Structures are given as C-alpha cells and as structure tokens.
C-alpha atoms as a PDB file:
ATOM      1  CA  MET A   1     -85.163   0.039   8.369  1.00  0.00           C
ATOM      2  CA  LEU A   2     -81.430   0.560   8.110  1.00  0.00           C
ATOM      3  CA  LYS A   3     -81.113  -2.907   9.879  1.00  0.00           C
ATOM      4  CA  GLU A   4     -80.713  -4.842   6.409  1.00  0.00           C
ATOM      5  CA  PHE A   5     -77.847  -2.797   5.708  1.00  0.00           C
ATOM      6  CA  TYR A   6     -76.183  -3.096   8.517  1.00  0.00           C
ATOM      7  CA  LEU A   7     -76.598  -6.595   9.857  1.00  0.00           C
ATOM      8  CA  PRO A   8     -74.801  -8.166   7.019  1.00  0.00           C
ATOM      9  CA  LEU A   9     -72.001  -5.913   7.289  1.00  0.00           C
ATOM     10  CA  GLY A  10     -71.420  -6.573  11.281  1.00  0.00           C
ATOM     11  CA  LEU A  11     -71.662 -10.426  10.644  1.00  0.00           C
ATOM     12  CA  LEU A  12     -68.987  -9.999   8.249  1.00  0.00           C
ATOM     13  CA  LEU A  13     -66.848  -7.816  10.545  1.00  0.00           C
ATOM     14  CA  ASN A  14     -67.047 -10.383  13.256  1.00  0.00           C
ATOM     15  CA  SER A  15     -66.606 -13.159  11.273  1.00  0.00           C
ATOM     16  CA  ASN A  16     -63.783 -15.791  12.437  1.00  0.00           C
ATOM     17  CA  ALA A  17     -62.422 -15.473   8.670  1.00  0.00           C
ATOM     18  CA  TYR A  18     -62.185 -11.721   8.962  1.00  0.00           C
ATOM     19  CA  ARG A  19     -60.332 -11.521  12.452  1.00  0.00           C
ATOM     20  CA  THR A  20     -58.090 -14.311  11.705  1.00  0.00           C
ATOM     21  CA  GLY A  21     -57.288 -13.066   7.982  1.00  0.00           C
ATOM     22  CA  SER A  22     -56.357  -9.722   9.642  1.00  0.00           C
ATOM     23  CA  GLN A  23     -53.968 -11.099  12.320  1.00  0.00           C
ATOM     24  CA  ASN A  24     -52.353 -12.772   9.623  1.00  0.00           C
ATOM     25  CA  ALA A  25     -51.902 -10.033   7.239  1.00  0.00           C
ATOM     26  CA  ASN A  26     -50.779  -7.322  10.211  1.00  0.00           C
ATOM     27  CA  SER A  27     -48.033  -9.965  11.510  1.00  0.00           C
ATOM     28  CA  GLY A  28     -47.008 -10.981   7.901  1.00  0.00           C
ATOM     29  CA  GLY A  29     -47.422 -14.705   9.032  1.00  0.00           C
ATOM     30  CA  SER A  30     -48.855 -17.847   7.627  1.00  0.00           C
ATOM     31  CA  GLY A  31     -51.419 -20.309   8.255  1.00  0.00           C
ATOM     32  CA  SER A  32     -55.286 -21.086   7.466  1.00  0.00           C
ATOM     33  CA  ALA A  33     -58.278 -19.514   8.611  1.00  0.00           C
ATOM     34  CA  THR A  34     -62.032 -21.310   8.512  1.00  0.00           C
ATOM     35  CA  TRP A  35     -64.988 -19.175   6.983  1.00  0.00           C
ATOM     36  CA  ILE A  36     -68.921 -19.813   7.648  1.00  0.00           C
ATOM     37  CA  GLY A  37     -69.667 -23.163   6.140  1.00  0.00           C
ATOM     38  CA  GLY A  38     -66.068 -24.544   6.688  1.00  0.00           C
ATOM     39  CA  ALA A  39     -64.453 -23.180   3.799  1.00  0.00           C
ATOM     40  CA  ASN A  40     -60.630 -23.341   4.294  1.00  0.00           C
ATOM     41  CA  ILE A  41     -58.580 -19.759   3.481  1.00  0.00           C
ATOM     42  CA  SER A  42     -54.833 -20.341   2.872  1.00  0.00           C
ATOM     43  CA  THR A  43     -52.740 -17.395   3.808  1.00  0.00           C
ATOM     44  CA  GLY A  44     -49.169 -17.061   3.310  1.00  0.00           C
ATOM     45  CA  THR A  45     -47.418 -13.819   3.404  1.00  0.00           C
ATOM     46  CA  GLY A  46     -49.147 -10.575   4.238  1.00  0.00           C
ATOM     47  CA  ALA A  47     -49.972  -9.539   1.065  1.00  0.00           C
ATOM     48  CA  SER A  48     -51.737 -12.822   0.230  1.00  0.00           C
ATOM     49  CA  ALA A  49     -53.688 -12.993   3.920  1.00  0.00           C
ATOM     50  CA  ALA A  50     -55.056  -9.186   2.742  1.00  0.00           C
ATOM     51  CA  ASN A  51     -56.118 -10.527  -0.407  1.00  0.00           C
ATOM     52  CA  ASP A  52     -57.529 -13.630   0.971  1.00  0.00           C
ATOM     53  CA  ILE A  53     -60.111 -11.464   3.130  1.00  0.00           C
ATOM     54  CA  ASN A  54     -60.955  -9.385   0.237  1.00  0.00           C
ATOM     55  CA  ASN A  55     -61.908 -12.701  -1.403  1.00  0.00           C
ATOM     56  CA  VAL A  56     -64.455 -13.347   1.606  1.00  0.00           C
ATOM     57  CA  LEU A  57     -65.503  -9.921   1.144  1.00  0.00           C
ATOM     58  CA  LEU A  58     -66.225 -10.286  -2.431  1.00  0.00           C
ATOM     59  CA  THR A  59     -68.090 -13.404  -2.199  1.00  0.00           C
ATOM     60  CA  PHE A  60     -69.890 -12.191   1.124  1.00  0.00           C
ATOM     61  CA  GLY A  61     -70.721  -9.311  -0.316  1.00  0.00           C
ATOM     62  CA  SER A  62     -72.362 -10.510  -3.509  1.00  0.00           C
ATOM     63  CA  ALA A  63     -73.900 -13.477  -1.674  1.00  0.00           C
ATOM     64  CA  VAL A  64     -75.918 -11.142   0.409  1.00  0.00           C
ATOM     65  CA  GLY A  65     -76.601  -8.524  -2.103  1.00  0.00           C
ATOM     66  CA  ALA A  66     -78.460 -11.031  -4.389  1.00  0.00           C
ATOM     67  CA  VAL A  67     -80.360 -12.394  -1.257  1.00  0.00           C
ATOM     68  CA  LEU A  68     -81.361  -8.585  -0.383  1.00  0.00           C
ATOM     69  CA  VAL A  69     -82.229  -8.053  -3.677  1.00  0.00           C
ATOM     70  CA  VAL A  70     -84.658 -11.171  -4.025  1.00  0.00           C
ATOM     71  CA  VAL A  71     -86.208 -10.437  -0.859  1.00  0.00           C
ATOM     72  CA  ALA A  72     -86.757  -6.695  -1.629  1.00  0.00           C
ATOM     73  CA  VAL A  73     -88.287  -7.882  -4.793  1.00  0.00           C
ATOM     74  CA  ILE A  74     -90.837 -10.039  -3.287  1.00  0.00           C
ATOM     75  CA  LYS A  75     -91.841  -7.207  -0.352  1.00  0.00           C
ATOM     76  CA  LEU A  76     -92.124  -4.880  -3.029  1.00  0.00           C
ATOM     77  CA  ILE A  77     -94.532  -7.198  -4.988  1.00  0.00           C
ATOM     78  CA  MET A  78     -96.575  -7.811  -1.564  1.00  0.00           C
ATOM     79  CA  ALA A  79     -96.441  -4.009  -0.422  1.00  0.00           C
ATOM     80  CA  ILE A  80     -97.679  -2.892  -4.372  1.00  0.00           C
ATOM     81  CA  SER A  81    -100.456  -5.338  -4.364  1.00  0.00           C
ATOM     82  CA  SER A  82    -101.656  -4.285  -1.011  1.00  0.00           C
ATOM     83  CA  GLU A  83    -101.010  -0.576  -1.184  1.00  0.00           C
ATOM     84  CA  GLN A  84     -98.780  -0.506   1.529  1.00  0.00           C
ATOM     85  CA  ALA A  85     -96.229   2.764   1.728  1.00  0.00           C
ATOM     86  CA  VAL A  86     -94.508   1.250   4.856  1.00  0.00           C
ATOM     87  CA  GLY A  87     -93.920  -1.880   2.737  1.00  0.00           C
ATOM     88  CA  LYS A  88     -92.576  -0.055  -0.295  1.00  0.00           C
ATOM     89  CA  GLN A  89     -90.308   2.015   1.762  1.00  0.00           C
ATOM     90  CA  GLN A  90     -88.808  -1.038   3.482  1.00  0.00           C
ATOM     91  CA  GLY A  91     -88.625  -2.952  -0.077  1.00  0.00           C
ATOM     92  CA  ALA A  92     -86.702  -0.023  -1.705  1.00  0.00           C
ATOM     93  CA  MET A  93     -84.522  -0.106   1.100  1.00  0.00           C
ATOM     94  CA  MET A  94     -83.497  -3.533   0.896  1.00  0.00           C
ATOM     95  CA  LEU A  95     -83.030  -3.038  -2.866  1.00  0.00           C
ATOM     96  CA  ALA A  96     -80.736  -0.494  -2.484  1.00  0.00           C
ATOM     97  CA  SER A  97     -78.630  -2.237   0.220  1.00  0.00           C
ATOM     98  CA  GLY A  98     -78.405  -5.189  -2.044  1.00  0.00           C
ATOM     99  CA  ILE A  99     -77.434  -3.303  -4.930  1.00  0.00           C
ATOM    100  CA  PHE A 100     -74.832  -1.921  -2.539  1.00  0.00           C
ATOM    101  CA  PHE A 101     -73.486  -4.961  -1.579  1.00  0.00           C
ATOM    102  CA  LEU A 102     -73.309  -6.344  -5.221  1.00  0.00           C
ATOM    103  CA  SER A 103     -71.356  -3.413  -6.312  1.00  0.00           C
ATOM    104  CA  ILE A 104     -68.713  -4.000  -3.607  1.00  0.00           C
ATOM    105  CA  SER A 105     -66.193  -5.953  -5.926  1.00  0.00           C
ATOM    106  CA  ALA A 106     -66.235  -2.972  -8.149  1.00  0.00           C
ATOM    107  CA  VAL A 107     -65.191  -1.013  -5.305  1.00  0.00           C
ATOM    108  CA  VAL A 108     -62.503  -3.176  -4.042  1.00  0.00           C
ATOM    109  CA  LYS A 109     -61.039  -3.570  -7.573  1.00  0.00           C
ATOM    110  CA  THR A 110     -61.116   0.046  -7.752  1.00  0.00           C
ATOM    111  CA  LEU A 111     -59.120   0.639  -4.594  1.00  0.00           C
ATOM    112  CA  GLY A 112     -56.611  -1.962  -5.749  1.00  0.00           C
ATOM    113  CA  MET A 113     -57.467  -3.810  -2.269  1.00  0.00           C
ATOM    114  CA  GLY A 114     -57.341  -7.328  -4.562  1.00  0.00           C
ATOM    115  CA  SER A 115     -54.081  -6.725  -6.533  1.00  0.00           C
ATOM    116  CA  GLY A 116     -51.393  -7.341  -3.695  1.00  0.00           C
ATOM    117  CA  THR A 117     -48.459  -5.395  -3.935  1.00  0.00           C
ATOM    118  CA  THR A 118     -49.238  -3.731  -7.636  1.00  0.00           C
ATOM    119  CA  VAL A 119     -49.999  -0.051  -7.784  1.00  0.00           C
ATOM    120  CA  ASN A 120     -52.177   0.779 -10.742  1.00  0.00           C
ATOM    121  CA  SER A 121     -51.379   3.693 -13.347  1.00  0.00           C
ATOM    122  CA  ALA A 122     -53.279   6.829 -13.180  1.00  0.00           C
ATOM    123  CA  SER A 123     -55.520   5.816 -16.266  1.00  0.00           C
ATOM    124  CA  GLN A 124     -56.074   2.536 -14.748  1.00  0.00           C
ATOM    125  CA  MET A 125     -57.107   3.944 -11.864  1.00  0.00           C
ATOM    126  CA  ALA A 126     -59.673   6.318 -13.767  1.00  0.00           C
ATOM    127  CA  LYS A 127     -60.615   3.321 -15.793  1.00  0.00           C
ATOM    128  CA  ASN A 128     -61.450   1.627 -12.268  1.00  0.00           C
ATOM    129  CA  VAL A 129     -63.354   4.490 -10.923  1.00  0.00           C
ATOM    130  CA  ILE A 130     -65.682   4.179 -13.913  1.00  0.00           C
ATOM    131  CA  ASP A 131     -66.090   0.905 -13.736  1.00  0.00           C
ATOM    132  CA  VAL A 132     -67.303   1.366 -10.351  1.00  0.00           C
ATOM    133  CA  ILE A 133     -69.845   4.070 -11.580  1.00  0.00           C
ATOM    134  CA  CYS A 134     -71.075   1.890 -14.446  1.00  0.00           C
ATOM    135  CA  THR A 135     -71.680  -1.149 -12.314  1.00  0.00           C
ATOM    136  CA  MET A 136     -73.463   0.838  -9.799  1.00  0.00           C
ATOM    137  CA  CYS A 137     -75.475   2.382 -12.373  1.00  0.00           C
ATOM    138  CA  THR A 138     -76.338  -0.924 -13.888  1.00  0.00           C
ATOM    139  CA  TYR A 139     -77.473  -2.526 -10.835  1.00  0.00           C
ATOM    140  CA  ALA A 140     -79.471   0.758 -10.017  1.00  0.00           C
ATOM    141  CA  GLY A 141     -81.390   0.724 -13.278  1.00  0.00           C
ATOM    142  CA  GLY A 142     -81.974  -2.992 -12.752  1.00  0.00           C
ATOM    143  CA  GLY A 143     -83.751  -1.806  -9.663  1.00  0.00           C
ATOM    144  CA  PHE A 144     -85.528   0.613 -11.200  1.00  0.00           C
ATOM    145  CA  ALA A 145     -86.428  -1.344 -14.118  1.00  0.00           C
ATOM    146  CA  ILE A 146     -87.899  -4.266 -11.928  1.00  0.00           C
ATOM    147  CA  ILE A 147     -89.753  -1.772  -9.680  1.00  0.00           C
ATOM    148  CA  GLY A 148     -91.195  -0.139 -12.932  1.00  0.00           C
ATOM    149  CA  PHE A 149     -92.437  -3.282 -14.593  1.00  0.00           C
ATOM    150  CA  LEU A 150     -94.060  -4.445 -11.485  1.00  0.00           C
ATOM    151  CA  ASP A 151     -95.770  -1.218 -11.253  1.00  0.00           C
ATOM    152  CA  LEU A 152     -96.981  -1.669 -14.759  1.00  0.00           C
ATOM    153  CA  ILE A 153     -98.308  -5.435 -14.381  1.00  0.00           C
ATOM    154  CA  LEU A 154    -100.097  -4.297 -10.890  1.00  0.00           C
ATOM    155  CA  ALA A 155    -101.727  -1.189 -12.612  1.00  0.00           C
ATOM    156  CA  THR A 156    -103.128  -3.588 -15.063  1.00  0.00           C
ATOM    157  CA  ALA A 157    -104.267  -6.073 -12.817  1.00  0.00           C
ATOM    158  CA  ASN A 158    -105.606  -3.926 -10.445  1.00  0.00           C
ATOM    159  CA  GLU A 159    -107.040  -1.095 -13.215  1.00  0.00           C
ATOM    160  CA  ALA A 160    -104.988   1.453 -11.213  1.00  0.00           C
ATOM    161  CA  PRO A 161    -103.898   4.046 -13.678  1.00  0.00           C
ATOM    162  CA  GLU A 162    -101.740   5.923 -11.201  1.00  0.00           C
ATOM    163  CA  GLN A 163     -99.386   2.986 -10.945  1.00  0.00           C
ATOM    164  CA  LYS A 164     -98.690   3.071 -14.726  1.00  0.00           C
ATOM    165  CA  LEU A 165     -97.022   7.003 -14.096  1.00  0.00           C
ATOM    166  CA  ASN A 166     -94.854   5.607 -11.353  1.00  0.00           C
ATOM    167  CA  GLY A 167     -93.968   2.443 -13.732  1.00  0.00           C
ATOM    168  CA  ALA A 168     -93.147   4.858 -16.410  1.00  0.00           C
ATOM    169  CA  LYS A 169     -91.003   7.112 -14.042  1.00  0.00           C
ATOM    170  CA  PHE A 170     -88.850   4.189 -12.736  1.00  0.00           C
ATOM    171  CA  LEU A 171     -88.675   2.781 -16.458  1.00  0.00           C
ATOM    172  CA  GLY A 172     -87.528   6.124 -17.359  1.00  0.00           C
ATOM    173  CA  GLY A 173     -85.066   6.134 -14.520  1.00  0.00           C
ATOM    174  CA  ALA A 174     -83.845   2.713 -15.692  1.00  0.00           C
ATOM    175  CA  ALA A 175     -83.451   3.878 -19.040  1.00  0.00           C
ATOM    176  CA  GLY A 176     -81.178   6.840 -17.729  1.00  0.00           C
ATOM    177  CA  LEU A 177     -78.941   4.918 -15.432  1.00  0.00           C
ATOM    178  CA  PHE A 178     -78.159   2.454 -18.459  1.00  0.00           C
ATOM    179  CA  SER A 179     -77.451   5.150 -20.729  1.00  0.00           C
ATOM    180  CA  ALA A 180     -74.932   6.590 -18.382  1.00  0.00           C
ATOM    181  CA  ASN A 181     -73.308   3.096 -18.233  1.00  0.00           C
ATOM    182  CA  ALA A 182     -73.026   3.462 -21.740  1.00  0.00           C
ATOM    183  CA  LEU A 183     -71.705   6.637 -21.904  1.00  0.00           C
ATOM    184  CA  GLY A 184     -69.035   5.614 -18.860  1.00  0.00           C
ATOM    185  CA  THR A 185     -67.847   2.448 -21.150  1.00  0.00           C
ATOM    186  CA  THR A 186     -67.537   4.748 -24.058  1.00  0.00           C
ATOM    187  CA  ILE A 187     -65.227   7.216 -22.373  1.00  0.00           C
ATOM    188  CA  LYS A 188     -63.278   4.400 -20.676  1.00  0.00           C
ATOM    189  CA  SER A 189     -62.344   2.740 -23.996  1.00  0.00           C
ATOM    190  CA  HIS A 190     -60.695   6.493 -25.056  1.00  0.00           C
ATOM    191  CA  ILE A 191     -58.508   6.843 -21.689  1.00  0.00           C
ATOM    192  CA  GLY A 192     -54.638   6.037 -22.151  1.00  0.00           C
ATOM    193  CA  GLY A 193     -54.703   5.611 -25.768  1.00  0.00           C
ATOM    194  CA  THR A 194     -54.266   7.262 -29.180  1.00  0.00           C
ATOM    195  CA  VAL A 195     -56.631   9.903 -30.208  1.00  0.00           C
ATOM    196  CA  ASP A 196     -58.462   8.197 -33.026  1.00  0.00           C
ATOM    197  CA  THR A 197     -61.224  10.449 -34.655  1.00  0.00           C
ATOM    198  CA  ASN A 198     -62.767   7.337 -36.548  1.00  0.00           C
ATOM    199  CA  SER A 199     -62.804   5.526 -33.269  1.00  0.00           C
ATOM    200  CA  ILE A 200     -64.300   8.369 -31.530  1.00  0.00           C
ATOM    201  CA  VAL A 201     -67.003   8.684 -33.890  1.00  0.00           C
ATOM    202  CA  LEU A 202     -68.257   5.029 -34.077  1.00  0.00           C
ATOM    203  CA  ASP A 203     -68.172   4.677 -30.599  1.00  0.00           C
ATOM    204  CA  THR A 204     -70.027   8.181 -29.913  1.00  0.00           C
ATOM    205  CA  GLY A 205     -72.893   6.376 -32.404  1.00  0.00           C
ATOM    206  CA  LEU A 206     -72.781   3.385 -30.245  1.00  0.00           C
ATOM    207  CA  PHE A 207     -73.721   5.314 -27.303  1.00  0.00           C
ATOM    208  CA  LEU A 208     -76.307   7.307 -29.123  1.00  0.00           C
ATOM    209  CA  GLY A 209     -77.926   3.739 -30.384  1.00  0.00           C
ATOM    210  CA  LYS A 210     -77.818   2.264 -27.107  1.00  0.00           C
ATOM    211  CA  MET A 211     -79.509   5.357 -25.459  1.00  0.00           C
ATOM    212  CA  ALA A 212     -81.835   5.318 -28.055  1.00  0.00           C
ATOM    213  CA  SER A 213     -82.883   1.408 -27.909  1.00  0.00           C
ATOM    214  CA  TYR A 214     -83.217   1.648 -23.525  1.00  0.00           C
ATOM    215  CA  ILE A 215     -85.622   4.824 -24.436  1.00  0.00           C
ATOM    216  CA  GLY A 216     -87.340   2.767 -27.081  1.00  0.00           C
ATOM    217  CA  ALA A 217     -87.986   0.165 -24.553  1.00  0.00           C
ATOM    218  CA  VAL A 218     -89.751   2.328 -22.254  1.00  0.00           C
ATOM    219  CA  PHE A 219     -91.957   3.212 -25.017  1.00  0.00           C
ATOM    220  CA  VAL A 220     -92.778  -0.039 -26.157  1.00  0.00           C
ATOM    221  CA  ALA A 221     -93.305  -1.313 -22.365  1.00  0.00           C
ATOM    222  CA  ILE A 222     -95.742   1.683 -22.009  1.00  0.00           C
ATOM    223  CA  GLY A 223     -97.488   1.085 -25.152  1.00  0.00           C
ATOM    224  CA  VAL A 224     -97.983  -2.351 -24.283  1.00  0.00           C
ATOM    225  CA  TRP A 225     -99.596  -1.458 -21.147  1.00  0.00           C
ATOM    226  CA  TYR A 226    -101.709   1.147 -22.991  1.00  0.00           C
ATOM    227  CA  LEU A 227    -103.022  -1.251 -25.644  1.00  0.00           C
ATOM    228  CA  ILE A 228    -103.954  -3.945 -22.702  1.00  0.00           C
ATOM    229  CA  ASN A 229    -105.738  -1.468 -20.879  1.00  0.00           C
ATOM    230  CA  GLY A 230    -107.582  -0.069 -23.902  1.00  0.00           C
ATOM    231  CA  ILE A 231    -108.650  -3.535 -25.007  1.00  0.00           C
ATOM    232  CA  ARG A 232    -109.534  -4.444 -21.637  1.00  0.00           C
ATOM    233  CA  THR A 233    -112.006  -1.443 -20.992  1.00  0.00           C
ATOM    234  CA  GLU A 234    -112.772  -0.676 -24.747  1.00  0.00           C
ATOM    235  CA  GLU A 235    -111.356   2.445 -24.730  1.00  0.00           C
ATOM    236  CA  SER A 236    -110.101   3.793 -28.172  1.00  0.00           C
ATOM    237  CA  LYS A 237    -107.893   6.436 -27.166  1.00  0.00           C
ATOM    238  CA  ASP A 238    -106.082   3.854 -24.863  1.00  0.00           C
ATOM    239  CA  ARG A 239    -105.515   1.726 -27.933  1.00  0.00           C
ATOM    240  CA  ASP A 240    -104.504   4.541 -30.242  1.00  0.00           C
ATOM    241  CA  ALA A 241    -101.989   5.969 -27.271  1.00  0.00           C
ATOM    242  CA  GLY A 242    -100.403   2.318 -27.614  1.00  0.00           C
ATOM    243  CA  VAL A 243    -100.083   2.061 -31.315  1.00  0.00           C
ATOM    244  CA  ARG A 244     -98.319   5.251 -31.129  1.00  0.00           C
ATOM    245  CA  SER A 245     -95.920   4.390 -28.361  1.00  0.00           C
ATOM    246  CA  LEU A 246     -95.229   1.049 -29.798  1.00  0.00           C
ATOM    247  CA  ILE A 247     -94.473   2.732 -32.920  1.00  0.00           C
ATOM    248  CA  ALA A 248     -92.087   5.214 -31.362  1.00  0.00           C
ATOM    249  CA  GLY A 249     -90.468   2.758 -29.350  1.00  0.00           C
ATOM    250  CA  VAL A 250     -89.656   0.425 -32.558  1.00  0.00           C
ATOM    251  CA  ALA A 251     -88.566   3.297 -34.321  1.00  0.00           C
ATOM    252  CA  LEU A 252     -86.008   4.186 -31.527  1.00  0.00           C
ATOM    253  CA  ILE A 253     -85.042   0.500 -31.185  1.00  0.00           C
ATOM    254  CA  ALA A 254     -84.083   0.396 -34.849  1.00  0.00           C
ATOM    255  CA  ALA A 255     -82.175   3.744 -34.666  1.00  0.00           C
ATOM    256  CA  ARG A 256     -79.114   1.644 -33.317  1.00  0.00           C
ATOM    257  CA  PHE A 257     -79.388  -0.867 -36.131  1.00  0.00           C
ATOM    258  CA  ILE A 258     -79.297   2.178 -38.525  1.00  0.00           C
ATOM    259  CA  LEU A 259     -76.690   3.895 -37.460  1.00  0.00           C
ATOM    260  CA  TYR A 260     -74.608   0.758 -37.477  1.00  0.00           C
ATOM    261  CA  GLY A 261     -75.761  -0.110 -41.142  1.00  0.00           C
ATOM    262  CA  ILE A 262     -74.974   3.171 -42.635  1.00  0.00           C
ATOM    263  CA  GLY A 263     -71.110   3.229 -40.803  1.00  0.00           C
ATOM    264  CA  LEU A 264     -72.006   5.921 -37.965  1.00  0.00           C
ATOM    265  CA  ALA A 265     -71.740   3.557 -35.035  1.00  0.00           C
ATOM    266  CA  ALA A 266     -69.522   0.834 -33.788  1.00  0.00           C
ATOM    267  CA  LYS A 267     -70.927  -3.188 -33.679  1.00  0.00           C
ATOM    268  CA  SER A 268     -70.917  -3.547 -30.137  1.00  0.00           C
END
C-alpha cells in the first residue's frame, strides 16, 4: 500500500530536472535544465539553482498531492459503498500521501530552502514551524471532513446507522484539526511582537468563536442526517434528535458572531 507514496517521490528524485539542477547547485555554475513536459528551468549561481530545484519540488509535490487526493476520494467512495475494508485502507493511505505532498511547500519554506542565502530569525522560524503544523492540520481536517460526509451520505443511502457513527467520528476529528489550525494562527500572531492585552483578548475570542463554529457545523451535519433518516423511516425519535442537533449547531455557529458583536472577538 506504500507504493502510492514512494512512486511519485522516486520519479522526482530520478527526474532529469532534479539531477541537472543538483549538479549546477553543487558546481556553482550556470546553465539550464528541462523538467517534465519541456519546461525550461534557468539556473544561475548555486543558490539560484537550489531555488529552482525547490520550485520543481513544490510544483511536483502539489500536483502529485492533488492527484492522490482525487483518486483517494474516488477509491473511498467505491470502497465505502461496497463495504470493502481493503479498499478503505488503501484509500486512506492514498489520502494521507496526498496530504503529505500538498504540505511539502510549507515544509520547504520552514527549512528556508527557497530563500537563497537569507537566514530566518528565531521568531520567523517559529512562525514558519507553526505554519507547517497549521497547513498539515488544515489538509488533514479536510480529508477527515470528506470521509465523514461520505459516511453520512452513504449511511442515509444504504440505511446503515453504523456508518453514521463513523461519519460523526471523522467530522469530530476534522473539527478538532481545524480548531488546532485556528489556535496555531492565534499563537503565531503574537510571536515576536509586543504584549497587547486587548489584542490577546480579541484573538482568544476569535479562536473560541472559530472552534465553536467548527463544532456547530458537525452538529448541523449530524442533525440533517437524523432529520432525513427520521423522515424516511417515520421515526419521531430521529426527527426530534435532528431538531436538537440543528438547534445546538446553529447556536454554536452563532456564538462566534455574538462574541464579535459584544466586542470580545476580532472580526477575522
């Protein structure tokens, strides 16, 4: 199952652009290299050659990541609909690989590989590390959300309540990862700056509001599932549970705007 992860990376490391660019970077010479598809990569000094290699890495990683995510979603849909455990595992592995490749750009920026001879300060490096963590949380949260919504949709279509529980777990994980991203963004905004109590209060309120919104979205999704299922099965218990979940979800989403309205949270 790891072939989906290692094959694209092997293609990159063995590509003509990578080998030629590396030679230019090591020798400090100049010249040009041709990447896959005939795109020219100009190389001047060793530093610019290294930057060109990094640009290739970023482009390649993003493209491979996008393809893997699309294929993984299709594979997961087919596996969940046919209840194939092996297909689910392969789809999850491909999704994780896609998320990794999509987050390569943030990792490269953090390592300073694309900045030539510029050396980042300690505070900037800390911000870049937080950027990496936040980016990975966002991509992973998006993957969890996709799987969660697929489980809820298929649970409704197949009348399989056990899939609803799996979907709720994935959506809860997505809400947690998105909240972690919001927390990282809040912390990052106060690194290397002066201590401003009012700004800290507003940013903390914004973080709490975002977290409440993410959790509220999960409640809304589950409430919609209960309502649809209750209408189809004519079960008043499910309809009541759906209404309660929707009310709780809307209240949590509204909390962010309430905090902003009373001056306890930043606008965005």
